[in-house]
Each structure stands twice: as C-alpha cells, then as structure tokens.
Amino acid sequence: MASLHFGEADVAIPVADVAVIREAFASHDNVEVFLHEGDVKHGFADPGSDGFHPEVYKKALAEIKRLLDGVR
C-alpha cells in the first residue's frame, strides 16, 4: 500500500503534477493520492520546516495509519 500526500501550495510539486500522479495510479487499488487543500506547502509533515502544518500532518498520519491497519 502507498499513501501519497501533497499540499496545494507546494511549489516543488504543482497541483497539475499531482493530477498527473493521481491519473497514473488511478488503476492501482493499492495507492491513494491525497491533495491537501489550502495553504499547505512542501514540508507540511516536517516539524522543522517552515511549511509545517500540524492539522494536515495529523490528517495525513491518520490516513497512513488506516492503510497500515488494513495490511495487518
């Protein structure tokens, strides 16, 4: 299983590229692609980053945990 998370305001991976990634994995039922809306930048899950976004970080972790629980 894979859980790919991107921020809408990420300058490293533009929203258009996230759409391409999502389309590339559309036929794979073991990959989920998330685009977190709003002012969510690159590094949203890194407490040491200027882009750290605690609320989105918690949501992303919850999704990853859900996927991992399904593997057990």
PDB file of N, CA and C in Angstrom:
ATOM      1  N   MET A   1       0.840  -1.182   0.000  1.00  0.00           N
ATOM      2  CA  MET A   1       0.000   0.000   0.000  1.00  0.00           C
ATOM      3  C   MET A   1       0.881   1.240   0.000  1.00  0.00           C
ATOM      4  N   ALA A   2       0.387   2.254  -0.664  1.00  0.00           N
ATOM      5  CA  ALA A   2       1.092   3.532  -0.684  1.00  0.00           C
ATOM      6  C   ALA A   2       0.092   4.649  -0.448  1.00  0.00           C
ATOM      7  N   SER A   3       0.510   5.621   0.289  1.00  0.00           N
ATOM      8  CA  SER A   3      -0.292   6.793   0.602  1.00  0.00           C
ATOM      9  C   SER A   3       0.553   8.015   0.263  1.00  0.00           C
ATOM     10  N   LEU A   4       0.214   8.684  -0.823  1.00  0.00           N
ATOM     11  CA  LEU A   4       0.985   9.830  -1.294  1.00  0.00           C
ATOM     12  C   LEU A   4       0.240  11.109  -0.942  1.00  0.00           C
ATOM     13  N   HIS A   5       0.927  12.026  -0.262  1.00  0.00           N
ATOM     14  CA  HIS A   5       0.290  13.248   0.227  1.00  0.00           C
ATOM     15  C   HIS A   5       1.014  14.469  -0.329  1.00  0.00           C
ATOM     16  N   PHE A   6       0.226  15.408  -0.847  1.00  0.00           N
ATOM     17  CA  PHE A   6       0.761  16.635  -1.444  1.00  0.00           C
ATOM     18  C   PHE A   6      -0.024  17.823  -0.921  1.00  0.00           C
ATOM     19  N   GLY A   7       0.641  18.966  -0.861  1.00  0.00           N
ATOM     20  CA  GLY A   7      -0.007  20.204  -0.452  1.00  0.00           C
ATOM     21  C   GLY A   7      -0.357  21.053  -1.660  1.00  0.00           C
ATOM     22  N   GLU A   8      -1.492  21.703  -1.594  1.00  0.00           N
ATOM     23  CA  GLU A   8      -1.962  22.527  -2.707  1.00  0.00           C
ATOM     24  C   GLU A   8      -1.030  23.697  -3.000  1.00  0.00           C
ATOM     25  N   ALA A   9      -0.337  24.201  -1.982  1.00  0.00           N
ATOM     26  CA  ALA A   9       0.559  25.350  -2.156  1.00  0.00           C
ATOM     27  C   ALA A   9       2.026  24.923  -2.273  1.00  0.00           C
ATOM     28  N   ASP A  10       2.263  23.658  -2.593  1.00  0.00           N
ATOM     29  CA  ASP A  10       3.620  23.125  -2.706  1.00  0.00           C
ATOM     30  C   ASP A  10       4.250  23.619  -4.010  1.00  0.00           C
ATOM     31  N   VAL A  11       5.330  24.385  -3.911  1.00  0.00           N
ATOM     32  CA  VAL A  11       5.991  24.903  -5.114  1.00  0.00           C
ATOM     33  C   VAL A  11       6.873  23.835  -5.765  1.00  0.00           C
ATOM     34  N   ALA A  12       7.216  22.784  -5.028  1.00  0.00           N
ATOM     35  CA  ALA A  12       8.051  21.722  -5.583  1.00  0.00           C
ATOM     36  C   ALA A  12       7.242  20.779  -6.476  1.00  0.00           C
ATOM     37  N   ILE A  13       5.982  20.580  -6.141  1.00  0.00           N
ATOM     38  CA  ILE A  13       5.102  19.703  -6.922  1.00  0.00           C
ATOM     39  C   ILE A  13       3.787  20.441  -7.164  1.00  0.00           C
ATOM     40  N   PRO A  14       3.659  21.080  -8.318  1.00  0.00           N
ATOM     41  CA  PRO A  14       2.442  21.835  -8.629  1.00  0.00           C
ATOM     42  C   PRO A  14       1.194  20.943  -8.683  1.00  0.00           C
ATOM     43  N   VAL A  15       0.047  21.548  -8.451  1.00  0.00           N
ATOM     44  CA  VAL A  15      -1.226  20.827  -8.451  1.00  0.00           C
ATOM     45  C   VAL A  15      -1.425  20.068  -9.765  1.00  0.00           C
ATOM     46  N   ALA A  16      -1.022  20.651 -10.876  1.00  0.00           N
ATOM     47  CA  ALA A  16      -1.160  19.966 -12.171  1.00  0.00           C
ATOM     48  C   ALA A  16      -0.370  18.664 -12.188  1.00  0.00           C
ATOM     49  N   ASP A  17       0.786  18.656 -11.566  1.00  0.00           N
ATOM     50  CA  ASP A  17       1.591  17.435 -11.496  1.00  0.00           C
ATOM     51  C   ASP A  17       0.956  16.398 -10.573  1.00  0.00           C
ATOM     52  N   VAL A  18       0.314  16.851  -9.517  1.00  0.00           N
ATOM     53  CA  VAL A  18      -0.391  15.936  -8.625  1.00  0.00           C
ATOM     54  C   VAL A  18      -1.521  15.253  -9.403  1.00  0.00           C
ATOM     55  N   ALA A  19      -2.181  15.990 -10.276  1.00  0.00           N
ATOM     56  CA  ALA A  19      -3.238  15.405 -11.106  1.00  0.00           C
ATOM     57  C   ALA A  19      -2.672  14.315 -12.013  1.00  0.00           C
ATOM     58  N   VAL A  20      -1.490  14.546 -12.559  1.00  0.00           N
ATOM     59  CA  VAL A  20      -0.836  13.542 -13.410  1.00  0.00           C
ATOM     60  C   VAL A  20      -0.492  12.302 -12.584  1.00  0.00           C
ATOM     61  N   ILE A  21       0.021  12.515 -11.384  1.00  0.00           N
ATOM     62  CA  ILE A  21       0.359  11.398 -10.491  1.00  0.00           C
ATOM     63  C   ILE A  21      -0.902  10.614 -10.138  1.00  0.00           C
ATOM     64  N   ARG A  22      -1.958  11.336  -9.796  1.00  0.00           N
ATOM     65  CA  ARG A  22      -3.221  10.678  -9.441  1.00  0.00           C
ATOM     66  C   ARG A  22      -3.731   9.831 -10.609  1.00  0.00           C
ATOM     67  N   GLU A  23      -3.680  10.381 -11.813  1.00  0.00           N
ATOM     68  CA  GLU A  23      -4.131   9.659 -13.005  1.00  0.00           C
ATOM     69  C   GLU A  23      -3.252   8.426 -13.258  1.00  0.00           C
ATOM     70  N   ALA A  24      -1.959   8.550 -13.052  1.00  0.00           N
ATOM     71  CA  ALA A  24      -1.038   7.434 -13.277  1.00  0.00           C
ATOM     72  C   ALA A  24      -1.339   6.251 -12.349  1.00  0.00           C
ATOM     73  N   PHE A  25      -1.817   6.543 -11.155  1.00  0.00           N
ATOM     74  CA  PHE A  25      -2.098   5.486 -10.190  1.00  0.00           C
ATOM     75  C   PHE A  25      -3.578   5.138 -10.088  1.00  0.00           C
ATOM     76  N   ALA A  26      -4.404   5.713 -10.930  1.00  0.00           N
ATOM     77  CA  ALA A  26      -5.850   5.507 -10.850  1.00  0.00           C
ATOM     78  C   ALA A  26      -6.247   4.035 -10.942  1.00  0.00           C
ATOM     79  N   SER A  27      -5.532   3.263 -11.706  1.00  0.00           N
ATOM     80  CA  SER A  27      -5.886   1.854 -11.865  1.00  0.00           C
ATOM     81  C   SER A  27      -5.238   0.947 -10.810  1.00  0.00           C
ATOM     82  N   HIS A  28      -4.499   1.533  -9.891  1.00  0.00           N
ATOM     83  CA  HIS A  28      -3.835   0.766  -8.827  1.00  0.00           C
ATOM     84  C   HIS A  28      -4.652   0.896  -7.539  1.00  0.00           C
ATOM     85  N   ASP A  29      -5.246  -0.188  -7.122  1.00  0.00           N
ATOM     86  CA  ASP A  29      -6.074  -0.111  -5.918  1.00  0.00           C
ATOM     87  C   ASP A  29      -5.258  -0.131  -4.627  1.00  0.00           C
ATOM     88  N   ASN A  30      -3.936  -0.164  -4.750  1.00  0.00           N
ATOM     89  CA  ASN A  30      -3.092  -0.162  -3.547  1.00  0.00           C
ATOM     90  C   ASN A  30      -2.348   1.164  -3.370  1.00  0.00           C
ATOM     91  N   VAL A  31      -2.782   2.202  -4.098  1.00  0.00           N
ATOM     92  CA  VAL A  31      -2.162   3.528  -3.990  1.00  0.00           C
ATOM     93  C   VAL A  31      -3.264   4.571  -3.829  1.00  0.00           C
ATOM     94  N   GLU A  32      -3.102   5.429  -2.836  1.00  0.00           N
ATOM     95  CA  GLU A  32      -4.020   6.548  -2.643  1.00  0.00           C
ATOM     96  C   GLU A  32      -3.231   7.838  -2.736  1.00  0.00           C
ATOM     97  N   VAL A  33      -3.782   8.795  -3.474  1.00  0.00           N
ATOM     98  CA  VAL A  33      -3.136  10.093  -3.666  1.00  0.00           C
ATOM     99  C   VAL A  33      -4.020  11.155  -3.017  1.00  0.00           C
ATOM    100  N   PHE A  34      -3.428  11.936  -2.127  1.00  0.00           N
ATOM    101  CA  PHE A  34      -4.158  12.984  -1.415  1.00  0.00           C
ATOM    102  C   PHE A  34      -3.591  14.349  -1.772  1.00  0.00           C
ATOM    103  N   LEU A  35      -4.468  15.280  -2.057  1.00  0.00           N
ATOM    104  CA  LEU A  35      -4.079  16.676  -2.249  1.00  0.00           C
ATOM    105  C   LEU A  35      -4.728  17.465  -1.123  1.00  0.00           C
ATOM    106  N   HIS A  36      -3.921  17.959  -0.218  1.00  0.00           N
ATOM    107  CA  HIS A  36      -4.421  18.721   0.924  1.00  0.00           C
ATOM    108  C   HIS A  36      -4.580  20.175   0.494  1.00  0.00           C
ATOM    109  N   GLU A  37      -5.808  20.654   0.549  1.00  0.00           N
ATOM    110  CA  GLU A  37      -6.156  21.981   0.037  1.00  0.00           C
ATOM    111  C   GLU A  37      -5.759  23.097   0.991  1.00  0.00           C
ATOM    112  N   GLY A  38      -5.664  24.285   0.411  1.00  0.00           N
ATOM    113  CA  GLY A  38      -5.357  25.473   1.192  1.00  0.00           C
ATOM    114  C   GLY A  38      -3.877  25.815   1.132  1.00  0.00           C
ATOM    115  N   ASP A  39      -3.417  26.485   2.149  1.00  0.00           N
ATOM    116  CA  ASP A  39      -2.029  26.948   2.215  1.00  0.00           C
ATOM    117  C   ASP A  39      -1.120  25.843   2.757  1.00  0.00           C
ATOM    118  N   VAL A  40      -1.172  24.676   2.115  1.00  0.00           N
ATOM    119  CA  VAL A  40      -0.379  23.523   2.545  1.00  0.00           C
ATOM    120  C   VAL A  40       0.823  23.418   1.615  1.00  0.00           C
ATOM    121  N   LYS A  41       1.989  23.656   2.186  1.00  0.00           N
ATOM    122  CA  LYS A  41       3.233  23.744   1.418  1.00  0.00           C
ATOM    123  C   LYS A  41       4.069  22.479   1.545  1.00  0.00           C
ATOM    124  N   HIS A  42       5.155  22.450   0.794  1.00  0.00           N
ATOM    125  CA  HIS A  42       6.128  21.363   0.880  1.00  0.00           C
ATOM    126  C   HIS A  42       6.675  21.320   2.305  1.00  0.00           C
ATOM    127  N   GLY A  43       6.778  20.146   2.862  1.00  0.00           N
ATOM    128  CA  GLY A  43       7.290  20.007   4.218  1.00  0.00           C
ATOM    129  C   GLY A  43       6.206  20.096   5.273  1.00  0.00           C
ATOM    130  N   PHE A  44       4.936  19.955   4.873  1.00  0.00           N
ATOM    131  CA  PHE A  44       3.849  20.110   5.843  1.00  0.00           C
ATOM    132  C   PHE A  44       3.919  19.097   6.979  1.00  0.00           C
ATOM    133  N   ALA A  45       4.627  17.980   6.775  1.00  0.00           N
ATOM    134  CA  ALA A  45       4.721  16.949   7.804  1.00  0.00           C
ATOM    135  C   ALA A  45       6.039  16.986   8.576  1.00  0.00           C
ATOM    136  N   ASP A  46       6.835  18.021   8.347  1.00  0.00           N
ATOM    137  CA  ASP A  46       8.150  18.135   8.987  1.00  0.00           C
ATOM    138  C   ASP A  46       8.118  19.266  10.017  1.00  0.00           C
ATOM    139  N   PRO A  47       8.113  18.910  11.315  1.00  0.00           N
ATOM    140  CA  PRO A  47       8.059  19.946  12.349  1.00  0.00           C
ATOM    141  C   PRO A  47       9.189  20.972  12.254  1.00  0.00           C
ATOM    142  N   GLY A  48      10.280  20.640  11.589  1.00  0.00           N
ATOM    143  CA  GLY A  48      11.389  21.576  11.443  1.00  0.00           C
ATOM    144  C   GLY A  48      11.287  22.454  10.216  1.00  0.00           C
ATOM    145  N   SER A  49      10.235  22.281   9.436  1.00  0.00           N
ATOM    146  CA  SER A  49      10.070  23.012   8.181  1.00  0.00           C
ATOM    147  C   SER A  49       9.227  24.268   8.368  1.00  0.00           C
ATOM    148  N   ASP A  50       9.522  25.276   7.546  1.00  0.00           N
ATOM    149  CA  ASP A  50       8.692  26.486   7.556  1.00  0.00           C
ATOM    150  C   ASP A  50       7.279  26.182   7.070  1.00  0.00           C
ATOM    151  N   GLY A  51       7.125  25.086   6.326  1.00  0.00           N
ATOM    152  CA  GLY A  51       5.819  24.708   5.803  1.00  0.00           C
ATOM    153  C   GLY A  51       5.023  23.783   6.705  1.00  0.00           C
ATOM    154  N   PHE A  52       5.550  23.505   7.913  1.00  0.00           N
ATOM    155  CA  PHE A  52       4.861  22.574   8.819  1.00  0.00           C
ATOM    156  C   PHE A  52       3.427  23.018   9.058  1.00  0.00           C
ATOM    157  N   HIS A  53       2.514  22.076   8.892  1.00  0.00           N
ATOM    158  CA  HIS A  53       1.079  22.343   9.047  1.00  0.00           C
ATOM    159  C   HIS A  53       0.520  21.240   9.948  1.00  0.00           C
ATOM    160  N   PRO A  54       0.445  21.495  11.260  1.00  0.00           N
ATOM    161  CA  PRO A  54       0.093  20.440  12.226  1.00  0.00           C
ATOM    162  C   PRO A  54      -1.223  19.730  11.941  1.00  0.00           C
ATOM    163  N   GLU A  55      -2.248  20.467  11.530  1.00  0.00           N
ATOM    164  CA  GLU A  55      -3.550  19.852  11.300  1.00  0.00           C
ATOM    165  C   GLU A  55      -3.497  18.878  10.112  1.00  0.00           C
ATOM    166  N   VAL A  56      -2.852  19.290   9.036  1.00  0.00           N
ATOM    167  CA  VAL A  56      -2.747  18.432   7.859  1.00  0.00           C
ATOM    168  C   VAL A  56      -1.831  17.248   8.168  1.00  0.00           C
ATOM    169  N   TYR A  57      -0.794  17.493   8.917  1.00  0.00           N
ATOM    170  CA  TYR A  57       0.113  16.416   9.340  1.00  0.00           C
ATOM    171  C   TYR A  57      -0.671  15.329  10.067  1.00  0.00           C
ATOM    172  N   LYS A  58      -1.546  15.723  10.982  1.00  0.00           N
ATOM    173  CA  LYS A  58      -2.361  14.760  11.728  1.00  0.00           C
ATOM    174  C   LYS A  58      -3.293  13.989  10.795  1.00  0.00           C
ATOM    175  N   LYS A  59      -3.895  14.683   9.827  1.00  0.00           N
ATOM    176  CA  LYS A  59      -4.782  14.018   8.868  1.00  0.00           C
ATOM    177  C   LYS A  59      -4.003  13.010   8.030  1.00  0.00           C
ATOM    178  N   ALA A  60      -2.826  13.399   7.571  1.00  0.00           N
ATOM    179  CA  ALA A  60      -2.001  12.503   6.755  1.00  0.00           C
ATOM    180  C   ALA A  60      -1.597  11.270   7.563  1.00  0.00           C
ATOM    181  N   LEU A  61      -1.201  11.471   8.800  1.00  0.00           N
ATOM    182  CA  LEU A  61      -0.828  10.338   9.652  1.00  0.00           C
ATOM    183  C   LEU A  61      -2.012   9.404   9.870  1.00  0.00           C
ATOM    184  N   ALA A  62      -3.194   9.963  10.052  1.00  0.00           N
ATOM    185  CA  ALA A  62      -4.392   9.138  10.245  1.00  0.00           C
ATOM    186  C   ALA A  62      -4.668   8.288   9.006  1.00  0.00           C
ATOM    187  N   GLU A  63      -4.484   8.855   7.815  1.00  0.00           N
ATOM    188  CA  GLU A  63      -4.686   8.099   6.576  1.00  0.00           C
ATOM    189  C   GLU A  63      -3.645   6.996   6.432  1.00  0.00           C
ATOM    190  N   ILE A  64      -2.409   7.306   6.754  1.00  0.00           N
ATOM    191  CA  ILE A  64      -1.353   6.298   6.675  1.00  0.00           C
ATOM    192  C   ILE A  64      -1.620   5.174   7.676  1.00  0.00           C
ATOM    193  N   LYS A  65      -2.042   5.514   8.870  1.00  0.00           N
ATOM    194  CA  LYS A  65      -2.362   4.507   9.879  1.00  0.00           C
ATOM    195  C   LYS A  65      -3.511   3.640   9.403  1.00  0.00           C
ATOM    196  N   ARG A  66      -4.524   4.241   8.794  1.00  0.00           N
ATOM    197  CA  ARG A  66      -5.661   3.473   8.281  1.00  0.00           C
ATOM    198  C   ARG A  66      -5.195   2.455   7.238  1.00  0.00           C
ATOM    199  N   LEU A  67      -4.314   2.896   6.339  1.00  0.00           N
ATOM    200  CA  LEU A  67      -3.803   1.983   5.323  1.00  0.00           C
ATOM    201  C   LEU A  67      -2.989   0.851   5.945  1.00  0.00           C
ATOM    202  N   LEU A  68      -2.153   1.174   6.890  1.00  0.00           N
ATOM    203  CA  LEU A  68      -1.325   0.154   7.550  1.00  0.00           C
ATOM    204  C   LEU A  68      -2.180  -0.827   8.352  1.00  0.00           C
ATOM    205  N   ASP A  69      -3.229  -0.324   8.992  1.00  0.00           N
ATOM    206  CA  ASP A  69      -4.120  -1.216   9.738  1.00  0.00           C
ATOM    207  C   ASP A  69      -4.792  -2.216   8.799  1.00  0.00           C
ATOM    208  N   GLY A  70      -5.049  -1.798   7.553  1.00  0.00           N
ATOM    209  CA  GLY A  70      -5.668  -2.686   6.579  1.00  0.00           C
ATOM    210  C   GLY A  70      -4.726  -3.782   6.095  1.00  0.00           C
ATOM    211  N   VAL A  71      -3.432  -3.592   6.289  1.00  0.00           N
ATOM    212  CA  VAL A  71      -2.437  -4.574   5.841  1.00  0.00           C
ATOM    213  C   VAL A  71      -2.305  -5.705   6.849  1.00  0.00           C
ATOM    214  N   ARG A  72      -2.580  -5.415   8.081  1.00  0.00           N
ATOM    215  CA  ARG A  72      -2.403  -6.413   9.162  1.00  0.00           C
ATOM    216  C   ARG A  72      -3.413  -7.525   9.086  1.00  0.00           C
TER     217      ARG A  72
END
